[in-house]
C-alpha atoms as a PDB file:
ATOM      1  CA  MET A   1       0.000   0.000   0.000  1.00  0.00           C
ATOM      2  CA  LEU A   2       1.213   3.498  -0.832  1.00  0.00           C
ATOM      3  CA  SER A   3      -0.311   6.678   0.554  1.00  0.00           C
ATOM      4  CA  ILE A   4       0.539  10.180  -0.604  1.00  0.00           C
ATOM      5  CA  SER A   5      -0.595  13.182   1.413  1.00  0.00           C
ATOM      6  CA  LEU A   6      -0.727  16.803   0.338  1.00  0.00           C
ATOM      7  CA  SER A   7       0.810  19.864   1.907  1.00  0.00           C
ATOM      8  CA  GLN A   8       1.379  23.482   1.000  1.00  0.00           C
ATOM      9  CA  ALA A   9       3.956  26.169   1.530  1.00  0.00           C
ATOM     10  CA  LYS A  10       3.293  29.889   1.119  1.00  0.00           C
ATOM     11  CA  ALA A  11       5.466  32.736  -0.103  1.00  0.00           C
ATOM     12  CA  GLN A  12       4.524  36.281  -1.222  1.00  0.00           C
ATOM     13  CA  ARG A  13       1.885  34.866  -3.505  1.00  0.00           C
ATOM     14  CA  THR A  14      -0.915  32.634  -2.255  1.00  0.00           C
ATOM     15  CA  LEU A  15      -1.465  28.957  -2.944  1.00  0.00           C
ATOM     16  CA  THR A  16      -4.133  26.664  -1.546  1.00  0.00           C
ATOM     17  CA  VAL A  17      -3.936  22.905  -1.992  1.00  0.00           C
ATOM     18  CA  GLY A  18      -7.099  20.813  -2.084  1.00  0.00           C
ATOM     19  CA  GLY A  19      -8.097  17.348  -3.133  1.00  0.00           C
ATOM     20  CA  ASN A  20      -7.705  13.976  -1.518  1.00  0.00           C
ATOM     21  CA  ASN A  21      -4.802  11.837  -0.444  1.00  0.00           C
ATOM     22  CA  TRP A  22      -3.927   9.239  -3.062  1.00  0.00           C
ATOM     23  CA  THR A  23      -3.628   5.664  -1.906  1.00  0.00           C
ATOM     24  CA  VAL A  24      -2.236   3.407  -4.609  1.00  0.00           C
ATOM     25  CA  THR A  25      -3.417  -0.177  -4.460  1.00  0.00           C
ATOM     26  CA  ILE A  26      -0.727  -2.438  -5.864  1.00  0.00           C
ATOM     27  CA  PRO A  27      -2.193  -5.789  -6.967  1.00  0.00           C
ATOM     28  CA  SER A  28      -0.547  -8.949  -5.706  1.00  0.00           C
ATOM     29  CA  ILE A  29       1.640 -10.979  -8.010  1.00  0.00           C
ATOM     30  CA  THR A  30       0.022 -14.361  -8.505  1.00  0.00           C
ATOM     31  CA  GLU A  31       2.466 -16.010 -10.888  1.00  0.00           C
ATOM     32  CA  ALA A  32       6.148 -16.723 -10.347  1.00  0.00           C
ATOM     33  CA  GLY A  33       8.511 -14.752 -12.561  1.00  0.00           C
ATOM     34  CA  THR A  34       6.170 -11.813 -13.148  1.00  0.00           C
ATOM     35  CA  ASN A  35       6.630  -8.204 -12.101  1.00  0.00           C
ATOM     36  CA  TYR A  36       4.257  -5.385 -11.202  1.00  0.00           C
ATOM     37  CA  ALA A  37       2.710  -3.155 -13.845  1.00  0.00           C
ATOM     38  CA  GLY A  38       5.249  -0.563 -12.733  1.00  0.00           C
ATOM     39  CA  THR A  39       3.314   2.664 -13.398  1.00  0.00           C
ATOM     40  CA  TYR A  40       0.135   3.912 -11.733  1.00  0.00           C
ATOM     41  CA  GLU A  41      -1.835   7.147 -12.255  1.00  0.00           C
ATOM     42  CA  SER A  42      -4.164   9.047  -9.964  1.00  0.00           C
ATOM     43  CA  ALA A  43      -7.373  10.733 -11.059  1.00  0.00           C
ATOM     44  CA  ALA A  44      -6.759  13.647 -13.437  1.00  0.00           C
ATOM     45  CA  ASN A  45      -7.950  16.055 -10.716  1.00  0.00           C
ATOM     46  CA  GLN A  46      -6.446  14.311  -7.674  1.00  0.00           C
ATOM     47  CA  ILE A  47      -5.107  17.649  -6.451  1.00  0.00           C
ATOM     48  CA  LEU A  48      -6.822  21.004  -6.986  1.00  0.00           C
ATOM     49  CA  LEU A  49      -4.719  24.143  -6.593  1.00  0.00           C
ATOM     50  CA  THR A  50      -5.913  27.715  -6.149  1.00  0.00           C
ATOM     51  CA  ALA A  51      -3.210  30.286  -6.866  1.00  0.00           C
ATOM     52  CA  SER A  52      -2.993  34.082  -6.876  1.00  0.00           C
ATOM     53  CA  VAL A  53      -0.203  36.404  -7.971  1.00  0.00           C
ATOM     54  CA  PRO A  54       0.018  40.160  -7.269  1.00  0.00           C
ATOM     55  CA  LEU A  55      -1.317  43.009  -9.360  1.00  0.00           C
ATOM     56  CA  LEU A  56       0.210  44.568 -12.464  1.00  0.00           C
ATOM     57  CA  LEU A  57       2.865  42.556 -14.244  1.00  0.00           C
ATOM     58  CA  GLY A  58       2.997  40.011 -11.452  1.00  0.00           C
ATOM     59  CA  SER A  59       4.019  36.444 -11.965  1.00  0.00           C
ATOM     60  CA  GLY A  60       4.544  33.305 -10.001  1.00  0.00           C
ATOM     61  CA  LYS A  61       5.905  29.838 -10.454  1.00  0.00           C
ATOM     62  CA  VAL A  62       4.430  26.820  -8.743  1.00  0.00           C
ATOM     63  CA  SER A  63       7.057  24.309  -7.693  1.00  0.00           C
ATOM     64  CA  VAL A  64       6.739  20.880  -6.147  1.00  0.00           C
ATOM     65  CA  HIS A  65       8.857  18.450  -4.115  1.00  0.00           C
ATOM     66  CA  TYR A  66       8.220  15.460  -1.879  1.00  0.00           C
ATOM     67  CA  GLU A  67       9.137  14.534   1.666  1.00  0.00           C
ATOM     68  CA  ALA A  68       9.260  10.991   3.038  1.00  0.00           C
ATOM     69  CA  ASN A  69       6.391  10.599   5.488  1.00  0.00           C
ATOM     70  CA  PRO A  70       8.030   8.780   7.276  1.00  0.00           C
ATOM     71  CA  THR A  71       9.364   6.135   4.864  1.00  0.00           C
ATOM     72  CA  TRP A  72       9.970   6.259   1.120  1.00  0.00           C
ATOM     73  CA  ASN A  73      12.040   4.111  -1.236  1.00  0.00           C
ATOM     74  CA  SER A  74      14.211   6.022  -3.713  1.00  0.00           C
ATOM     75  CA  SER A  75      13.398   3.475  -6.445  1.00  0.00           C
ATOM     76  CA  LEU A  76       9.821   4.762  -6.436  1.00  0.00           C
ATOM     77  CA  ILE A  77       9.417   7.777  -8.702  1.00  0.00           C
ATOM     78  CA  LEU A  78       6.673  10.366  -8.290  1.00  0.00           C
ATOM     79  CA  ASN A  79       5.631  12.598 -11.180  1.00  0.00           C
ATOM     80  CA  ALA A  80       3.043  15.368 -11.457  1.00  0.00           C
ATOM     81  CA  ARG A  81       1.367  17.226 -14.291  1.00  0.00           C
ATOM     82  CA  ARG A  82      -1.240  19.909 -14.740  1.00  0.00           C
ATOM     83  CA  THR A  83      -4.236  18.473 -16.604  1.00  0.00           C
ATOM     84  CA  GLY A  84      -6.114  21.756 -17.078  1.00  0.00           C
ATOM     85  CA  ASP A  85      -6.021  25.506 -16.516  1.00  0.00           C
ATOM     86  CA  GLY A  86      -8.599  25.701 -13.759  1.00  0.00           C
ATOM     87  CA  THR A  87     -10.875  28.741 -13.817  1.00  0.00           C
ATOM     88  CA  THR A  88     -10.133  32.466 -13.823  1.00  0.00           C
ATOM     89  CA  VAL A  89     -11.922  35.723 -14.618  1.00  0.00           C
ATOM     90  CA  CYS A  90      -8.669  37.431 -15.632  1.00  0.00           C
ATOM     91  CA  VAL A  91      -8.663  37.997 -19.401  1.00  0.00           C
ATOM     92  CA  LEU A  92      -5.003  39.051 -19.716  1.00  0.00           C
ATOM     93  CA  CYS A  93      -3.583  36.360 -17.434  1.00  0.00           C
ATOM     94  CA  SER A  94      -1.894  33.189 -18.551  1.00  0.00           C
ATOM     95  CA  ILE A  95      -0.958  29.837 -17.109  1.00  0.00           C
ATOM     96  CA  SER A  96       1.729  27.798 -18.847  1.00  0.00           C
ATOM     97  CA  GLY A  97       3.855  24.694 -18.514  1.00  0.00           C
ATOM     98  CA  GLY A  98       3.430  21.541 -16.520  1.00  0.00           C
ATOM     99  CA  THR A  99       1.185  19.656 -18.941  1.00  0.00           C
ATOM    100  CA  THR A 100       3.646  16.778 -19.255  1.00  0.00           C
ATOM    101  CA  TYR A 101       4.772  14.728 -16.289  1.00  0.00           C
ATOM    102  CA  GLN A 102       7.554  16.341 -14.258  1.00  0.00           C
ATOM    103  CA  PRO A 103       9.580  14.230 -11.827  1.00  0.00           C
ATOM    104  CA  ILE A 104       9.033  15.190  -8.188  1.00  0.00           C
ATOM    105  CA  GLY A 105      12.271  15.062  -6.221  1.00  0.00           C
ATOM    106  CA  LEU A 106      13.457  16.037  -2.774  1.00  0.00           C
ATOM    107  CA  THR A 107      14.135  19.596  -3.979  1.00  0.00           C
ATOM    108  CA  ASP A 108      11.714  21.962  -5.712  1.00  0.00           C
ATOM    109  CA  VAL A 109      11.125  21.575  -9.437  1.00  0.00           C
ATOM    110  CA  GLU A 110       9.003  24.087 -11.351  1.00  0.00           C
ATOM    111  CA  LEU A 111       5.647  22.670 -12.382  1.00  0.00           C
ATOM    112  CA  PHE A 112       3.976  25.677 -14.063  1.00  0.00           C
ATOM    113  CA  ARG A 113       3.828  29.497 -14.237  1.00  0.00           C
ATOM    114  CA  ILE A 114       1.121  32.117 -13.866  1.00  0.00           C
ATOM    115  CA  VAL A 115       1.484  35.620 -15.331  1.00  0.00           C
ATOM    116  CA  ALA A 116      -0.757  38.651 -14.661  1.00  0.00           C
ATOM    117  CA  ILE A 117      -0.572  41.568 -17.104  1.00  0.00           C
ATOM    118  CA  ALA A 118      -2.861  44.272 -15.683  1.00  0.00           C
ATOM    119  CA  THR A 119      -4.702  42.782 -12.739  1.00  0.00           C
ATOM    120  CA  LEU A 120      -4.555  40.184  -9.995  1.00  0.00           C
ATOM    121  CA  ALA A 121      -4.164  36.718 -11.503  1.00  0.00           C
ATOM    122  CA  SER A 122      -6.250  34.254  -9.594  1.00  0.00           C
ATOM    123  CA  TYR A 123      -6.865  30.703 -10.753  1.00  0.00           C
ATOM    124  CA  SER A 124      -8.964  28.158  -8.918  1.00  0.00           C
ATOM    125  CA  ASN A 125      -9.326  24.403  -9.295  1.00  0.00           C
ATOM    126  CA  ILE A 126      -6.123  23.890 -11.275  1.00  0.00           C
ATOM    127  CA  PRO A 127      -6.171  20.086 -11.660  1.00  0.00           C
ATOM    128  CA  ILE A 128      -3.007  18.108 -10.924  1.00  0.00           C
ATOM    129  CA  GLN A 129      -2.510  14.415 -11.696  1.00  0.00           C
ATOM    130  CA  LEU A 130       0.078  12.206 -10.014  1.00  0.00           C
ATOM    131  CA  GLN A 131       1.963   9.240 -11.397  1.00  0.00           C
ATOM    132  CA  LEU A 132       3.940   6.598  -9.539  1.00  0.00           C
ATOM    133  CA  SER A 133       6.531   4.508 -11.348  1.00  0.00           C
ATOM    134  CA  GLY A 134       9.376   2.241 -10.370  1.00  0.00           C
ATOM    135  CA  VAL A 135       7.127  -0.286  -8.627  1.00  0.00           C
ATOM    136  CA  SER A 136       8.975  -3.576  -8.901  1.00  0.00           C
ATOM    137  CA  VAL A 137       9.571  -6.870  -7.128  1.00  0.00           C
ATOM    138  CA  THR A 138      13.036  -5.484  -6.346  1.00  0.00           C
ATOM    139  CA  VAL A 139      11.515  -2.835  -4.041  1.00  0.00           C
ATOM    140  CA  PRO A 140      11.119  -4.319  -0.552  1.00  0.00           C
ATOM    141  CA  ALA A 141       7.504  -5.006   0.420  1.00  0.00           C
ATOM    142  CA  ALA A 142       6.435  -2.263   2.839  1.00  0.00           C
ATOM    143  CA  THR A 143       4.059   0.650   3.208  1.00  0.00           C
ATOM    144  CA  TYR A 144       5.638   3.771   1.723  1.00  0.00           C
ATOM    145  CA  ASN A 145       4.279   7.270   2.294  1.00  0.00           C
ATOM    146  CA  SER A 146       5.288  10.681   1.065  1.00  0.00           C
ATOM    147  CA  ARG A 147       4.009  14.222   1.374  1.00  0.00           C
ATOM    148  CA  ILE A 148       3.910  16.362  -1.751  1.00  0.00           C
ATOM    149  CA  VAL A 149       4.672  20.030  -1.060  1.00  0.00           C
ATOM    150  CA  PHE A 150       3.641  22.791  -3.467  1.00  0.00           C
ATOM    151  CA  THR A 151       5.226  26.249  -3.277  1.00  0.00           C
ATOM    152  CA  ILE A 152       4.429  29.443  -5.178  1.00  0.00           C
ATOM    153  CA  SER A 153       7.193  32.021  -5.574  1.00  0.00           C
ATOM    154  CA  GLU A 154       8.457  34.854  -7.735  1.00  0.00           C
ATOM    155  CA  ILE A 155       9.871  33.948 -11.145  1.00  0.00           C
END
């Protein structure tokens, strides 16, 4: 069993993390000499982010990293991608990047950017999908947990 919990970090911009923890059910191997499927995906909207960047030519980048909670195996690889833009009323704002899977490591990696031209850029319900790979018979049988941390900061 694998459980992934969500967390958030705040900087000058605001970021709210919603959604549900993802528990990956790994089916048992029933035949000698076989391996696990190896890659598992969450729902396309497993995580929902709400992000705001300041007025007038403001921008922000949303980054992500994971923390073992308390135990993680380095052979297991977490990835995240943005599966949609969410909703906004800002006409001159843009959201870009992060539509292909990005590896989530122990240090921040940029997932996507938000740019505001003439007003506050506020996006809600930005859907994030998770992927787990590296599941193999070579990984010791155990319960592994991690916490995914999202951060919004200046570009």
